[in-house]
Amino acid sequence: MKGTAEVFPEQGKSFDPVGIPKVIEEAGFSATEIILSVDGTLLKGNEFLELEVPGLESPFLLVGGEAAERLSRGVDLVATKVRVTGKLRPGNSGQPPTLTVVEFQAPP
C-alpha cells in the first residue's frame, strides 16, 4: 500500500528533518523516499551548494537532480532566501543531510 504524509513544524519553528525516517519507522511504516520543501539561505559550500536552515545544526547539501544544476548557475541567489524541494537522504556518521533537488523557488 502506498500513502503520503505531510509534516509541518509549528508556526515560527523548525524541526530536524533528519529524524523523519526514524519517526516513520517507529510509527510502523516504511518510506521509500522522503520529499521535503525547505526554506533557507543558499550558501556556496566547498563542493556543493548548501541550504542553511534556522534551528538546524548543519546545512543541507544540495546534491544532484536536474534542478540543482539550474540552481548552481543562479550565482546571484547565493546568500538569499530560497525554498528548495528535494529528496531527503539523512546524513550518516556525522555527515550533513543531503537533498536531491527537484525544484526551487527564488524570492519574488
Protein backbone atom coordinates (compact mmCIF):
# COMPACT_ATOMS: atom_id res chain seq x y z
CA MET A 1 0.00 0.00 0.00
CA LYS A 2 1.31 3.46 -0.86
CA GLY A 3 0.49 6.63 1.04
CA THR A 4 1.55 10.19 1.59
CA ALA A 5 2.08 12.08 4.81
CA GLU A 6 2.69 15.79 5.26
CA VAL A 7 4.61 17.06 8.27
CA PHE A 8 4.78 20.74 9.26
CA PRO A 9 6.59 22.42 12.14
CA GLU A 10 4.75 24.73 14.49
CA GLN A 11 4.37 28.30 13.27
CA GLY A 12 7.71 30.11 13.52
CA LYS A 13 9.59 26.95 14.49
CA SER A 14 11.72 24.42 12.70
CA PHE A 15 12.47 20.75 13.34
CA ASP A 16 15.30 18.50 12.31
CA PRO A 17 14.06 16.61 9.24
CA VAL A 18 16.86 14.07 9.65
CA GLY A 19 14.67 12.48 12.34
CA ILE A 20 11.74 11.94 9.96
CA PRO A 21 12.77 8.42 8.82
CA LYS A 22 13.03 7.27 12.45
CA VAL A 23 9.60 8.68 13.32
CA ILE A 24 8.06 6.95 10.29
CA GLU A 25 9.66 3.64 11.26
CA GLU A 26 8.59 3.96 14.91
CA ALA A 27 5.01 4.53 13.71
CA GLY A 28 5.16 1.13 11.97
CA PHE A 29 5.59 2.38 8.40
CA SER A 30 8.41 2.49 5.88
CA ALA A 31 9.24 5.17 3.34
CA THR A 32 10.87 4.54 0.00
CA GLU A 33 11.51 8.26 -0.39
CA ILE A 34 11.00 11.39 1.63
CA ILE A 35 10.43 14.66 -0.19
CA LEU A 36 10.87 17.94 1.68
CA SER A 37 10.22 21.57 0.91
CA VAL A 38 12.60 23.65 2.98
CA ASP A 39 13.05 27.42 3.31
CA GLY A 40 16.57 28.60 3.98
CA THR A 41 19.53 30.67 2.86
CA LEU A 42 21.53 29.45 -0.12
CA LEU A 43 25.27 29.20 0.59
CA LYS A 44 28.28 28.29 -1.53
CA GLY A 45 29.95 25.28 0.12
CA ASN A 46 33.34 23.74 -0.64
CA GLU A 47 31.96 21.12 -3.01
CA PHE A 48 28.19 21.69 -3.19
CA LEU A 49 25.67 24.42 -2.67
CA GLU A 50 24.22 24.34 0.83
CA LEU A 51 20.91 25.38 2.31
CA GLU A 52 21.23 26.88 5.77
CA VAL A 53 18.02 26.47 7.76
CA PRO A 54 17.46 28.30 11.05
CA GLY A 55 17.34 25.91 14.00
CA LEU A 56 19.24 23.07 12.31
CA GLU A 57 22.73 22.03 13.41
CA SER A 58 24.12 21.70 9.90
CA PRO A 59 23.03 22.86 6.46
CA PHE A 60 21.60 20.59 3.79
CA LEU A 61 24.00 19.75 0.98
CA LEU A 62 22.19 20.27 -2.33
CA VAL A 63 23.39 17.31 -4.34
CA GLY A 64 22.16 16.21 -7.75
CA GLY A 65 18.89 16.50 -9.53
CA GLU A 66 18.30 18.45 -12.72
CA ALA A 67 17.16 21.50 -10.77
CA ALA A 68 20.43 21.53 -8.77
CA GLU A 69 22.37 22.45 -11.89
CA ARG A 70 19.98 25.30 -12.67
CA LEU A 71 20.27 26.43 -9.07
CA SER A 72 24.08 26.36 -9.17
CA ARG A 73 24.01 28.61 -12.26
CA GLY A 74 21.98 31.14 -10.25
CA VAL A 75 25.09 32.69 -8.68
CA ASP A 76 23.06 35.78 -7.82
CA LEU A 77 20.93 33.60 -5.49
CA VAL A 78 23.82 32.86 -3.10
CA ALA A 79 23.15 34.43 0.32
CA THR A 80 19.44 34.84 -0.46
CA LYS A 81 16.40 33.03 0.92
CA VAL A 82 15.09 30.23 -1.29
CA ARG A 83 12.65 27.34 -1.00
CA VAL A 84 14.09 24.01 -2.13
CA THR A 85 12.07 20.86 -2.70
CA GLY A 86 14.07 17.68 -2.85
CA LYS A 87 14.50 14.05 -1.87
CA LEU A 88 15.99 13.67 1.61
CA ARG A 89 18.99 11.50 2.29
CA PRO A 90 19.78 11.71 6.01
CA GLY A 91 23.44 12.13 6.86
CA ASN A 92 25.34 9.17 8.28
CA SER A 93 28.20 9.15 10.78
CA GLY A 94 28.16 12.87 11.42
CA GLN A 95 27.70 13.81 7.77
CA PRO A 96 25.11 16.50 6.96
CA PRO A 97 21.84 15.56 5.28
CA THR A 98 21.54 15.97 1.52
CA LEU A 99 18.69 16.96 -0.75
CA THR A 100 18.49 15.82 -4.35
CA VAL A 101 16.95 18.99 -5.76
CA VAL A 102 13.62 18.52 -7.53
CA GLU A 103 12.73 22.21 -7.74
CA PHE A 104 13.46 25.56 -6.14
CA GLN A 105 11.82 28.94 -5.83
CA ALA A 106 13.72 32.17 -5.53
CA PRO A 107 12.20 35.05 -3.62
CA PRO A 108 9.79 37.26 -5.60
